[in-house]
PDB file of N, CA and C in Angstrom:
ATOM      1  N   MET A   1     -12.029  50.535  -0.506  1.00  0.00           N
ATOM      2  CA  MET A   1     -13.121  49.603  -0.485  1.00  0.00           C
ATOM      3  C   MET A   1     -13.138  48.669  -1.848  1.00  0.00           C
ATOM      4  N   ARG A   2     -12.913  49.402  -2.892  1.00  0.00           N
ATOM      5  CA  ARG A   2     -12.852  48.602  -4.213  1.00  0.00           C
ATOM      6  C   ARG A   2     -11.778  47.575  -4.162  1.00  0.00           C
ATOM      7  N   ARG A   3     -10.663  47.832  -3.607  1.00  0.00           N
ATOM      8  CA  ARG A   3      -9.547  46.894  -3.500  1.00  0.00           C
ATOM      9  C   ARG A   3      -9.898  45.715  -2.617  1.00  0.00           C
ATOM     10  N   PHE A   4     -10.617  46.032  -1.677  1.00  0.00           N
ATOM     11  CA  PHE A   4     -11.074  44.773  -0.775  1.00  0.00           C
ATOM     12  C   PHE A   4     -12.022  43.906  -1.474  1.00  0.00           C
ATOM     13  N   VAL A   5     -13.018  44.379  -2.350  1.00  0.00           N
ATOM     14  CA  VAL A   5     -13.955  43.692  -3.136  1.00  0.00           C
ATOM     15  C   VAL A   5     -13.134  42.889  -4.049  1.00  0.00           C
ATOM     16  N   MET A   6     -12.200  43.460  -4.741  1.00  0.00           N
ATOM     17  CA  MET A   6     -11.480  42.804  -5.863  1.00  0.00           C
ATOM     18  C   MET A   6     -10.645  41.652  -5.133  1.00  0.00           C
ATOM     19  N   LEU A   7     -10.137  41.951  -3.997  1.00  0.00           N
ATOM     20  CA  LEU A   7      -9.220  41.108  -3.327  1.00  0.00           C
ATOM     21  C   LEU A   7     -10.064  39.778  -2.945  1.00  0.00           C
ATOM     22  N   ALA A   8     -11.287  40.077  -2.321  1.00  0.00           N
ATOM     23  CA  ALA A   8     -12.125  39.035  -2.000  1.00  0.00           C
ATOM     24  C   ALA A   8     -12.564  38.181  -3.109  1.00  0.00           C
ATOM     25  N   ALA A   9     -12.914  38.781  -4.217  1.00  0.00           N
ATOM     26  CA  ALA A   9     -13.297  38.094  -5.344  1.00  0.00           C
ATOM     27  C   ALA A   9     -12.191  37.150  -5.966  1.00  0.00           C
ATOM     28  N   LEU A  10     -10.911  37.668  -5.830  1.00  0.00           N
ATOM     29  CA  LEU A  10      -9.873  36.852  -6.371  1.00  0.00           C
ATOM     30  C   LEU A  10      -9.489  35.748  -5.528  1.00  0.00           C
ATOM     31  N   CYS A  11      -9.773  35.885  -4.110  1.00  0.00           N
ATOM     32  CA  CYS A  11      -9.411  34.707  -3.195  1.00  0.00           C
ATOM     33  C   CYS A  11     -10.557  33.697  -3.367  1.00  0.00           C
ATOM     34  N   THR A  12     -11.799  34.041  -3.606  1.00  0.00           N
ATOM     35  CA  THR A  12     -12.855  33.069  -3.753  1.00  0.00           C
ATOM     36  C   THR A  12     -13.010  32.321  -5.130  1.00  0.00           C
ATOM     37  N   LEU A  13     -12.185  32.909  -6.184  1.00  0.00           N
ATOM     38  CA  LEU A  13     -12.285  32.498  -7.474  1.00  0.00           C
ATOM     39  C   LEU A  13     -11.683  31.053  -7.549  1.00  0.00           C
ATOM     40  N   PRO A  14     -10.511  30.862  -7.030  1.00  0.00           N
ATOM     41  CA  PRO A  14      -9.810  29.518  -7.100  1.00  0.00           C
ATOM     42  C   PRO A  14     -10.693  28.377  -6.237  1.00  0.00           C
ATOM     43  N   ASN A  15     -11.228  28.758  -5.126  1.00  0.00           N
ATOM     44  CA  ASN A  15     -12.228  27.753  -4.498  1.00  0.00           C
ATOM     45  C   ASN A  15     -13.372  27.458  -5.191  1.00  0.00           C
ATOM     46  N   ALA A  16     -14.027  28.385  -5.942  1.00  0.00           N
ATOM     47  CA  ALA A  16     -15.116  28.216  -6.786  1.00  0.00           C
ATOM     48  C   ALA A  16     -14.847  27.279  -7.892  1.00  0.00           C
ATOM     49  N   LEU A  17     -13.594  27.593  -8.518  1.00  0.00           N
ATOM     50  CA  LEU A  17     -13.149  26.550  -9.673  1.00  0.00           C
ATOM     51  C   LEU A  17     -12.797  25.210  -9.128  1.00  0.00           C
ATOM     52  N   TYR A  18     -12.199  25.179  -7.942  1.00  0.00           N
ATOM     53  CA  TYR A  18     -11.861  23.750  -7.463  1.00  0.00           C
ATOM     54  C   TYR A  18     -13.192  23.081  -6.976  1.00  0.00           C
ATOM     55  N   ALA A  19     -14.126  23.608  -6.531  1.00  0.00           N
ATOM     56  CA  ALA A  19     -15.335  23.060  -6.125  1.00  0.00           C
ATOM     57  C   ALA A  19     -16.135  22.536  -7.401  1.00  0.00           C
ATOM     58  N   GLN A  20     -16.063  23.281  -8.413  1.00  0.00           N
ATOM     59  CA  GLN A  20     -16.618  22.889  -9.691  1.00  0.00           C
ATOM     60  C   GLN A  20     -15.942  21.715 -10.345  1.00  0.00           C
ATOM     61  N   ALA A  21     -14.606  21.786 -10.333  1.00  0.00           N
ATOM     62  CA  ALA A  21     -13.855  20.660 -10.849  1.00  0.00           C
ATOM     63  C   ALA A  21     -14.051  19.304 -10.150  1.00  0.00           C
ATOM     64  N   ALA A  22     -14.205  19.441  -8.700  1.00  0.00           N
ATOM     65  CA  ALA A  22     -14.460  18.461  -7.875  1.00  0.00           C
ATOM     66  C   ALA A  22     -15.703  17.611  -8.085  1.00  0.00           C
ATOM     67  N   THR A  23     -16.777  18.407  -8.462  1.00  0.00           N
ATOM     68  CA  THR A  23     -18.050  17.815  -8.636  1.00  0.00           C
ATOM     69  C   THR A  23     -18.225  17.323 -10.034  1.00  0.00           C
ATOM     70  N   ALA A  24     -17.313  17.706 -11.038  1.00  0.00           N
ATOM     71  CA  ALA A  24     -17.525  17.315 -12.434  1.00  0.00           C
ATOM     72  C   ALA A  24     -17.321  15.717 -12.533  1.00  0.00           C
ATOM     73  N   PRO A  25     -18.015  15.144 -13.362  1.00  0.00           N
ATOM     74  CA  PRO A  25     -17.903  13.702 -13.499  1.00  0.00           C
ATOM     75  C   PRO A  25     -16.679  13.273 -14.133  1.00  0.00           C
ATOM     76  N   ALA A  26     -16.041  12.313 -13.675  1.00  0.00           N
ATOM     77  CA  ALA A  26     -14.711  11.702 -14.262  1.00  0.00           C
ATOM     78  C   ALA A  26     -14.997  11.068 -15.580  1.00  0.00           C
ATOM     79  N   THR A  27     -14.299  11.646 -16.580  1.00  0.00           N
ATOM     80  CA  THR A  27     -14.459  11.045 -17.912  1.00  0.00           C
ATOM     81  C   THR A  27     -13.222  10.235 -18.324  1.00  0.00           C
ATOM     82  N   GLU A  28     -12.349  10.127 -17.486  1.00  0.00           N
ATOM     83  CA  GLU A  28     -11.128   9.283 -17.616  1.00  0.00           C
ATOM     84  C   GLU A  28     -11.606   7.844 -17.449  1.00  0.00           C
ATOM     85  N   LYS A  29     -11.174   6.962 -18.316  1.00  0.00           N
ATOM     86  CA  LYS A  29     -11.271   5.549 -18.205  1.00  0.00           C
ATOM     87  C   LYS A  29     -10.101   5.015 -17.163  1.00  0.00           C
ATOM     88  N   PRO A  30     -10.468   3.997 -16.316  1.00  0.00           N
ATOM     89  CA  PRO A  30      -9.509   3.509 -15.485  1.00  0.00           C
ATOM     90  C   PRO A  30      -8.338   2.952 -16.248  1.00  0.00           C
ATOM     91  N   ALA A  31      -7.210   2.904 -15.771  1.00  0.00           N
ATOM     92  CA  ALA A  31      -6.093   2.464 -16.559  1.00  0.00           C
ATOM     93  C   ALA A  31      -6.217   0.943 -16.839  1.00  0.00           C
ATOM     94  N   LYS A  32      -5.999   0.466 -18.057  1.00  0.00           N
ATOM     95  CA  LYS A  32      -6.082  -1.085 -18.298  1.00  0.00           C
ATOM     96  C   LYS A  32      -4.940  -1.679 -17.659  1.00  0.00           C
ATOM     97  N   GLU A  33      -5.209  -2.920 -17.205  1.00  0.00           N
ATOM     98  CA  GLU A  33      -4.340  -3.661 -16.541  1.00  0.00           C
ATOM     99  C   GLU A  33      -3.377  -4.343 -17.542  1.00  0.00           C
ATOM    100  N   LYS A  34      -2.065  -4.275 -17.301  1.00  0.00           N
ATOM    101  CA  LYS A  34      -1.073  -4.907 -18.192  1.00  0.00           C
ATOM    102  C   LYS A  34      -1.303  -6.466 -18.316  1.00  0.00           C
ATOM    103  N   LYS A  35      -1.257  -6.960 -19.464  1.00  0.00           N
ATOM    104  CA  LYS A  35      -1.309  -8.331 -19.740  1.00  0.00           C
ATOM    105  C   LYS A  35       0.003  -8.953 -19.581  1.00  0.00           C
ATOM    106  N   ILE A  36       0.204 -10.141 -19.037  1.00  0.00           N
ATOM    107  CA  ILE A  36       1.442 -10.947 -18.942  1.00  0.00           C
ATOM    108  C   ILE A  36       1.187 -12.169 -19.747  1.00  0.00           C
ATOM    109  N   CYS A  37       2.183 -12.331 -20.723  1.00  0.00           N
ATOM    110  CA  CYS A  37       2.002 -13.476 -21.688  1.00  0.00           C
ATOM    111  C   CYS A  37       3.036 -14.618 -21.344  1.00  0.00           C
ATOM    112  N   ARG A  38       2.551 -15.883 -21.466  1.00  0.00           N
ATOM    113  CA  ARG A  38       3.352 -17.085 -21.258  1.00  0.00           C
ATOM    114  C   ARG A  38       3.295 -18.008 -22.412  1.00  0.00           C
ATOM    115  N   GLN A  39       4.285 -18.771 -22.627  1.00  0.00           N
ATOM    116  CA  GLN A  39       4.128 -19.773 -23.705  1.00  0.00           C
ATOM    117  C   GLN A  39       3.787 -21.152 -22.888  1.00  0.00           C
ATOM    118  N   GLU A  40       2.782 -21.840 -23.538  1.00  0.00           N
ATOM    119  CA  GLU A  40       2.392 -23.038 -22.892  1.00  0.00           C
ATOM    120  C   GLU A  40       2.517 -24.104 -24.002  1.00  0.00           C
ATOM    121  N   ASP A  41       2.725 -25.335 -23.487  1.00  0.00           N
ATOM    122  CA  ASP A  41       2.772 -26.662 -24.429  1.00  0.00           C
ATOM    123  C   ASP A  41       1.323 -26.923 -24.811  1.00  0.00           C
ATOM    124  N   VAL A  42       1.079 -27.270 -26.001  1.00  0.00           N
ATOM    125  CA  VAL A  42      -0.174 -27.843 -26.497  1.00  0.00           C
ATOM    126  C   VAL A  42      -0.053 -29.256 -26.660  1.00  0.00           C
ATOM    127  N   THR A  43      -0.960 -29.959 -26.183  1.00  0.00           N
ATOM    128  CA  THR A  43      -1.099 -31.409 -26.345  1.00  0.00           C
ATOM    129  C   THR A  43      -1.318 -31.705 -27.841  1.00  0.00           C
ATOM    130  N   GLY A  44      -0.355 -32.787 -28.383  1.00  0.00           N
ATOM    131  CA  GLY A  44      -0.636 -33.065 -29.726  1.00  0.00           C
ATOM    132  C   GLY A  44       0.064 -32.217 -30.785  1.00  0.00           C
ATOM    133  N   SER A  45       0.739 -31.140 -30.399  1.00  0.00           N
ATOM    134  CA  SER A  45       1.348 -30.244 -31.240  1.00  0.00           C
ATOM    135  C   SER A  45       2.831 -29.956 -30.831  1.00  0.00           C
ATOM    136  N   ILE A  46       3.608 -29.696 -31.775  1.00  0.00           N
ATOM    137  CA  ILE A  46       5.038 -29.283 -31.453  1.00  0.00           C
ATOM    138  C   ILE A  46       5.203 -27.804 -31.313  1.00  0.00           C
ATOM    139  N   MET A  47       4.073 -26.995 -31.522  1.00  0.00           N
ATOM    140  CA  MET A  47       3.957 -25.687 -31.371  1.00  0.00           C
ATOM    141  C   MET A  47       3.558 -25.246 -29.966  1.00  0.00           C
ATOM    142  N   ARG A  48       4.041 -24.055 -29.530  1.00  0.00           N
ATOM    143  CA  ARG A  48       3.603 -23.755 -28.227  1.00  0.00           C
ATOM    144  C   ARG A  48       2.517 -22.616 -28.430  1.00  0.00           C
ATOM    145  N   ALA A  49       1.649 -22.483 -27.440  1.00  0.00           N
ATOM    146  CA  ALA A  49       0.661 -21.388 -27.427  1.00  0.00           C
ATOM    147  C   ALA A  49       1.079 -20.293 -26.629  1.00  0.00           C
ATOM    148  N   ARG A  50       0.714 -19.073 -27.030  1.00  0.00           N
ATOM    149  CA  ARG A  50       0.909 -17.905 -26.307  1.00  0.00           C
ATOM    150  C   ARG A  50      -0.402 -17.642 -25.589  1.00  0.00           C
ATOM    151  N   VAL A  51      -0.304 -17.564 -24.135  1.00  0.00           N
ATOM    152  CA  VAL A  51      -1.489 -17.257 -23.381  1.00  0.00           C
ATOM    153  C   VAL A  51      -1.204 -16.000 -22.560  1.00  0.00           C
ATOM    154  N   CYS A  52      -2.164 -15.165 -22.597  1.00  0.00           N
ATOM    155  CA  CYS A  52      -2.011 -13.778 -21.953  1.00  0.00           C
ATOM    156  C   CYS A  52      -3.158 -13.637 -20.875  1.00  0.00           C
ATOM    157  N   HIS A  53      -2.786 -13.216 -19.683  1.00  0.00           N
ATOM    158  CA  HIS A  53      -3.659 -12.877 -18.589  1.00  0.00           C
ATOM    159  C   HIS A  53      -3.209 -11.748 -17.790  1.00  0.00           C
ATOM    160  N   THR A  54      -3.931 -11.225 -16.984  1.00  0.00           N
ATOM    161  CA  THR A  54      -3.373 -10.152 -15.985  1.00  0.00           C
ATOM    162  C   THR A  54      -2.757 -10.837 -14.793  1.00  0.00           C
ATOM    163  N   LYS A  55      -2.007 -10.065 -14.028  1.00  0.00           N
ATOM    164  CA  LYS A  55      -1.266 -10.689 -13.008  1.00  0.00           C
ATOM    165  C   LYS A  55      -2.081 -11.281 -11.912  1.00  0.00           C
ATOM    166  N   GLU A  56      -3.291 -10.690 -11.580  1.00  0.00           N
ATOM    167  CA  GLU A  56      -4.296 -11.597 -10.643  1.00  0.00           C
ATOM    168  C   GLU A  56      -4.821 -12.745 -11.251  1.00  0.00           C
ATOM    169  N   GLU A  57      -5.037 -12.693 -12.546  1.00  0.00           N
ATOM    170  CA  GLU A  57      -5.603 -13.965 -13.068  1.00  0.00           C
ATOM    171  C   GLU A  57      -4.446 -15.026 -13.171  1.00  0.00           C
ATOM    172  N   TRP A  58      -3.183 -14.578 -13.291  1.00  0.00           N
ATOM    173  CA  TRP A  58      -2.060 -15.691 -13.209  1.00  0.00           C
ATOM    174  C   TRP A  58      -1.916 -16.208 -11.970  1.00  0.00           C
ATOM    175  N   VAL A  59      -2.155 -15.337 -10.863  1.00  0.00           N
ATOM    176  CA  VAL A  59      -1.973 -15.745  -9.490  1.00  0.00           C
ATOM    177  C   VAL A  59      -3.072 -16.835  -9.288  1.00  0.00           C
ATOM    178  N   GLN A  60      -4.220 -16.587  -9.604  1.00  0.00           N
ATOM    179  CA  GLN A  60      -5.456 -17.579  -9.499  1.00  0.00           C
ATOM    180  C   GLN A  60      -5.164 -18.825 -10.244  1.00  0.00           C
ATOM    181  N   ILE A  61      -4.720 -18.729 -11.596  1.00  0.00           N
ATOM    182  CA  ILE A  61      -4.350 -19.906 -12.260  1.00  0.00           C
ATOM    183  C   ILE A  61      -3.253 -20.744 -11.557  1.00  0.00           C
ATOM    184  N   ASP A  62      -2.244 -20.204 -11.145  1.00  0.00           N
ATOM    185  CA  ASP A  62      -1.214 -20.937 -10.579  1.00  0.00           C
ATOM    186  C   ASP A  62      -1.734 -21.527  -9.231  1.00  0.00           C
ATOM    187  N   ALA A  63      -2.420 -20.908  -8.642  1.00  0.00           N
ATOM    188  CA  ALA A  63      -2.996 -21.495  -7.227  1.00  0.00           C
ATOM    189  C   ALA A  63      -3.931 -22.681  -7.519  1.00  0.00           C
ATOM    190  N   GLU A  64      -4.769 -22.543  -8.573  1.00  0.00           N
ATOM    191  CA  GLU A  64      -5.620 -23.619  -8.904  1.00  0.00           C
ATOM    192  C   GLU A  64      -4.756 -24.904  -9.442  1.00  0.00           C
ATOM    193  N   ASN A  65      -3.691 -24.662 -10.152  1.00  0.00           N
ATOM    194  CA  ASN A  65      -2.748 -25.640 -10.768  1.00  0.00           C
ATOM    195  C   ASN A  65      -1.955 -26.356  -9.584  1.00  0.00           C
ATOM    196  N   ALA A  66      -1.559 -25.605  -8.471  1.00  0.00           N
ATOM    197  CA  ALA A  66      -0.935 -26.065  -7.385  1.00  0.00           C
ATOM    198  C   ALA A  66      -2.019 -27.036  -6.526  1.00  0.00           C
ATOM    199  N   ARG A  67      -3.142 -26.508  -6.418  1.00  0.00           N
ATOM    200  CA  ARG A  67      -4.176 -27.418  -5.762  1.00  0.00           C
ATOM    201  C   ARG A  67      -4.461 -28.663  -6.575  1.00  0.00           C
ATOM    202  N   ASN A  68      -4.490 -28.520  -7.905  1.00  0.00           N
ATOM    203  CA  ASN A  68      -4.713 -29.715  -8.598  1.00  0.00           C
ATOM    204  C   ASN A  68      -3.580 -30.749  -8.516  1.00  0.00           C
ATOM    205  N   ALA A  69      -2.387 -30.248  -8.517  1.00  0.00           N
ATOM    206  CA  ALA A  69      -1.096 -31.143  -8.336  1.00  0.00           C
ATOM    207  C   ALA A  69      -1.089 -31.785  -7.020  1.00  0.00           C
ATOM    208  N   ARG A  70      -1.408 -30.981  -5.933  1.00  0.00           N
ATOM    209  CA  ARG A  70      -1.439 -31.654  -4.702  1.00  0.00           C
ATOM    210  C   ARG A  70      -2.542 -32.694  -4.583  1.00  0.00           C
ATOM    211  N   ARG A  71      -3.746 -32.431  -5.194  1.00  0.00           N
ATOM    212  CA  ARG A  71      -4.886 -33.417  -5.211  1.00  0.00           C
ATOM    213  C   ARG A  71      -4.466 -34.752  -5.964  1.00  0.00           C
ATOM    214  N   ILE A  72      -3.816 -34.527  -7.025  1.00  0.00           N
ATOM    215  CA  ILE A  72      -3.373 -35.689  -7.885  1.00  0.00           C
ATOM    216  C   ILE A  72      -2.290 -36.539  -7.260  1.00  0.00           C
ATOM    217  N   LEU A  73      -1.390 -35.896  -6.468  1.00  0.00           N
ATOM    218  CA  LEU A  73      -0.365 -36.537  -5.763  1.00  0.00           C
ATOM    219  C   LEU A  73      -0.739 -37.079  -4.464  1.00  0.00           C
ATOM    220  N   GLY A  74      -2.120 -36.782  -4.112  1.00  0.00           N
ATOM    221  CA  GLY A  74      -2.510 -37.296  -2.830  1.00  0.00           C
ATOM    222  C   GLY A  74      -2.079 -36.587  -1.529  1.00  0.00           C
ATOM    223  N   ARG A  75      -1.819 -35.350  -1.796  1.00  0.00           N
ATOM    224  CA  ARG A  75      -1.266 -34.622  -0.718  1.00  0.00           C
ATOM    225  C   ARG A  75      -2.204 -33.408  -0.208  1.00  0.00           C
ATOM    226  N   ASP A  76      -3.465 -33.667  -0.746  1.00  0.00           N
ATOM    227  CA  ASP A  76      -4.462 -32.506  -0.397  1.00  0.00           C
ATOM    228  C   ASP A  76      -4.996 -32.707   1.063  1.00  0.00           C
ATOM    229  N   SER A  77      -4.709 -31.889   1.868  1.00  0.00           N
ATOM    230  CA  SER A  77      -5.148 -32.050   3.269  1.00  0.00           C
ATOM    231  C   SER A  77      -6.615 -31.500   3.328  1.00  0.00           C
ATOM    232  N   SER A  78      -7.155 -30.692   2.476  1.00  0.00           N
ATOM    233  CA  SER A  78      -8.576 -30.330   2.409  1.00  0.00           C
ATOM    234  C   SER A  78      -9.511 -31.383   2.391  1.00  0.00           C
ATOM    235  N   THR A  79      -9.152 -32.528   1.752  1.00  0.00           N
ATOM    236  CA  THR A  79     -10.122 -33.590   1.640  1.00  0.00           C
ATOM    237  C   THR A  79      -9.908 -34.712   2.612  1.00  0.00           C
ATOM    238  N   GLY A  80      -8.721 -34.695   3.375  1.00  0.00           N
ATOM    239  CA  GLY A  80      -8.445 -35.678   4.388  1.00  0.00           C
ATOM    240  C   GLY A  80      -7.765 -36.937   3.693  1.00  0.00           C
ATOM    241  N   ASN A  81      -7.588 -36.799   2.364  1.00  0.00           N
ATOM    242  CA  ASN A  81      -6.961 -37.999   1.675  1.00  0.00           C
ATOM    243  C   ASN A  81      -5.448 -37.782   1.709  1.00  0.00           C
ATOM    244  N   THR A  82      -4.679 -38.845   1.891  1.00  0.00           N
ATOM    245  CA  THR A  82      -3.257 -38.796   1.745  1.00  0.00           C
ATOM    246  C   THR A  82      -2.880 -39.998   1.135  1.00  0.00           C
ATOM    247  N   ALA A  83      -1.981 -40.085   0.212  1.00  0.00           N
ATOM    248  CA  ALA A  83      -1.525 -41.311  -0.382  1.00  0.00           C
ATOM    249  C   ALA A  83      -0.598 -42.083   0.417  1.00  0.00           C
ATOM    250  N   THR A  84      -0.798 -43.418   0.341  1.00  0.00           N
ATOM    251  CA  THR A  84       0.219 -44.213   1.032  1.00  0.00           C
ATOM    252  C   THR A  84       0.910 -45.042   0.177  1.00  0.00           C
ATOM    253  N   HIS A  85       2.163 -44.709   0.055  1.00  0.00           N
ATOM    254  CA  HIS A  85       3.013 -45.406  -0.963  1.00  0.00           C
ATOM    255  C   HIS A  85       3.916 -46.479  -0.250  1.00  0.00           C
TER     256      HIS A  85
END
């Protein structure tokens, strides 16, 4: 009978420890996102500036720059304007 009680205690111990670990608050910080740096021209200077953003930020910046380029060139279909050359 003693062996059965000891065996039962040993079998439930890992489950109790897992349950305690699962309910413990997470103290780890989320991983910082890696920055990607680019060299950009600065108006009025011969020096280039180093600009760093995350990958998602660069995707948004590139998309905005592409929209502005299409708008300036008159090829923006969202406004209904098209350039006639």
